[in-house]
Protein backbone atom coordinates (compact mmCIF):
# COMPACT_ATOMS: atom_id res chain seq x y z
CA MET A 1 121.80 35.51 56.89
CA THR A 2 124.25 34.22 55.26
CA ALA A 3 127.38 36.15 57.12
CA LYS A 4 128.61 38.54 60.06
CA LEU A 5 127.11 41.66 60.60
CA THR A 6 129.51 43.92 61.07
CA THR A 7 129.04 46.00 63.86
CA GLU A 8 127.64 49.43 61.59
CA ARG A 9 125.91 46.73 59.47
CA ARG A 10 123.47 45.83 62.35
CA ALA A 11 123.50 48.32 63.90
CA GLU A 12 122.04 50.29 60.83
CA LEU A 13 119.29 47.01 61.25
CA LEU A 14 118.84 46.91 64.92
CA SER A 15 118.11 50.94 64.97
CA ALA A 16 115.37 50.79 61.89
CA ALA A 17 114.13 47.73 63.81
CA THR A 18 110.01 47.78 65.63
CA ARG A 19 110.21 48.17 69.05
CA GLY A 20 108.03 45.48 68.35
CA GLU A 21 110.80 43.50 66.59
CA LEU A 22 113.20 44.76 68.78
CA VAL A 23 111.58 44.09 72.76
CA PRO A 24 110.16 41.14 73.11
CA LEU A 25 113.48 39.33 72.01
CA ALA A 26 115.26 41.34 74.43
CA GLU A 27 112.61 40.59 77.15
CA ARG A 28 112.30 36.63 75.68
CA LEU A 29 116.84 36.70 76.71
CA LEU A 30 116.01 38.46 79.74
CA ALA A 31 112.86 36.13 81.34
CA GLN A 32 116.09 32.86 79.48
CA GLY A 33 118.64 34.22 82.06
CA ALA A 34 120.58 33.95 78.76
CA LEU A 35 122.09 36.58 78.81
CA GLY A 36 123.76 36.53 82.38
CA GLU A 37 123.79 39.50 84.83
CA PRO A 38 123.56 42.29 82.01
CA ALA A 39 125.09 46.00 83.30
CA LEU A 40 123.58 48.94 81.88
CA LEU A 41 127.09 51.91 81.35
CA VAL A 42 125.02 54.63 79.68
CA PRO A 43 121.41 55.14 80.98
CA PRO A 44 119.05 55.96 77.74
CA GLU A 45 118.78 59.41 77.03
CA VAL A 46 116.86 61.28 75.05
CA GLY A 47 118.70 64.19 72.78
CA MET A 48 119.11 66.08 69.75
CA VAL A 49 121.80 64.99 66.64
CA MET A 50 122.92 67.35 63.71
CA THR A 51 122.49 65.85 61.27
CA GLN A 52 124.28 66.55 57.76
CA VAL A 53 124.49 65.89 53.76
CA ARG A 54 126.11 66.16 51.17
CA GLU A 55 124.16 68.14 48.27
CA PRO A 56 124.14 65.81 45.21
CA VAL A 57 125.99 67.91 42.15
CA ALA A 58 128.41 70.32 44.37
CA GLY A 59 129.31 67.02 46.45
CA GLU A 60 129.24 69.62 49.56
CA ARG A 61 128.67 69.44 53.12
CA PHE A 62 125.98 70.71 55.25
CA TYR A 63 123.85 70.48 58.45
CA LEU A 64 119.64 69.98 58.02
CA GLY A 65 118.85 69.98 60.81
CA GLU A 66 118.41 67.95 64.36
CA VAL A 67 116.81 64.82 64.55
CA LEU A 68 115.36 63.14 68.66
CA VAL A 69 117.78 60.65 68.75
CA THR A 70 117.94 57.58 72.26
CA ARG A 71 121.14 56.60 72.91
CA CYS A 72 121.96 53.79 75.07
CA GLY A 73 124.44 51.34 76.05
CA ALA A 74 124.87 48.04 78.15
CA GLU A 75 127.04 45.18 78.42
CA VAL A 76 126.51 41.34 78.46
CA ALA A 77 129.23 38.55 79.17
CA GLY A 78 131.61 41.50 79.81
CA THR A 79 131.25 42.58 76.29
CA ALA A 80 129.48 46.19 75.62
CA GLY A 81 126.77 47.18 72.64
CA TRP A 82 124.92 50.24 72.96
CA SER A 83 122.26 51.91 69.85
CA MET A 84 121.00 55.23 69.40
CA ARG A 85 117.53 55.42 67.93
CA GLY A 86 115.26 57.47 65.73
CA GLY A 87 112.26 59.63 68.43
CA ASP A 88 112.52 58.82 72.56
CA ASP A 89 111.15 55.34 72.64
CA ARG A 90 114.20 54.53 75.16
CA ILE A 91 112.53 51.12 75.81
CA ALA A 92 113.78 49.96 72.49
CA ALA A 93 116.49 51.19 72.13
CA LEU A 94 117.73 49.48 75.80
CA ALA A 95 117.07 46.50 73.73
CA ALA A 96 118.64 47.14 70.65
CA ALA A 97 122.03 47.76 73.01
CA LEU A 98 121.12 44.43 75.45
CA LEU A 99 120.30 42.51 71.93
CA ASP A 100 123.88 44.31 70.34
CA ALA A 101 125.86 43.02 73.60
CA VAL A 102 124.52 39.21 72.86
CA CYS A 103 125.95 39.76 69.57
CA ALA A 104 129.90 41.45 70.48
CA ALA A 105 130.46 39.22 72.95
CA GLY A 106 129.57 35.82 70.43
CA LEU A 107 126.86 33.97 72.64
CA PRO A 108 124.54 31.35 70.96
CA GLU A 109 121.94 33.78 71.12
CA SER A 110 123.67 36.45 68.39
CA ALA A 111 122.18 33.80 65.70
CA GLU A 112 118.37 34.69 67.11
CA VAL A 113 119.57 38.40 66.53
CA GLU A 114 121.32 37.69 63.53
CA ASP A 115 117.68 36.78 61.96
CA LEU A 116 115.82 40.06 63.69
CA CYS A 117 118.40 42.06 61.35
CA ALA A 118 118.23 40.10 57.89
CA ALA A 119 113.51 39.28 58.46
CA VAL A 120 114.15 43.81 58.92
CA GLU A 121 116.56 43.44 56.22
CA ALA A 122 114.51 41.92 54.76
CA ARG A 123 111.36 44.32 55.58
CA ARG A 124 113.23 47.77 54.31
CA ARG A 125 113.89 46.04 50.52
CA ARG A 126 110.38 45.33 50.42
CA GLU A 127 109.20 48.96 51.58
CA ILE A 128 111.79 50.34 48.66
CA ASP A 129 111.10 48.11 45.89
CA GLU A 130 107.29 48.88 46.78
CA GLU A 131 108.80 52.78 46.78
CA TRP A 132 110.04 51.92 43.72
CA ALA A 133 106.61 50.77 42.22
CA ARG A 134 104.62 53.08 43.29
CA VAL A 135 107.03 55.67 41.66
CA ALA A 136 108.17 54.64 38.38
CA PRO A 137 104.91 55.77 36.14
CA THR A 138 106.07 58.77 36.86
CA LEU A 139 109.39 58.57 35.29
CA VAL A 140 110.05 60.30 32.25
CA THR A 141 111.97 59.33 29.75
CA PHE A 142 113.99 61.08 26.63
CA GLU A 143 114.03 60.30 23.02
CA GLU A 144 118.00 60.87 21.70
CA LEU A 145 117.68 62.49 18.35
CA PRO A 146 120.91 61.49 16.40
């Protein structure tokens, strides 16, 4: 990544990362001792959150429904990190919280976490581009009459 991620953007990208992207990195950093003695602030908890959306024409907000999420909080080098991920994967939520704390603490390993976030961002961009490529042939265009 060229620019340092904001806390919000990092949380978004760690939430979008797959278990296979998060867990190996967190396990490797733990095994290397790079995280020191991490502490669990909020154990992984599964719960529901309300999803609020905005109606596009009138701009009115309404609740669409509930979404299953797992949240977790961890501390690395005296700095808290957190995560909230869709679904009920407690291990991935813990890994994301640890990696968030690594960045929040400014540890040298935060470069690896930001590289992971860059890879997730690139994958998401590719997925969006592929989706637009699939739906582009269905777009209807209208002629304008003079």
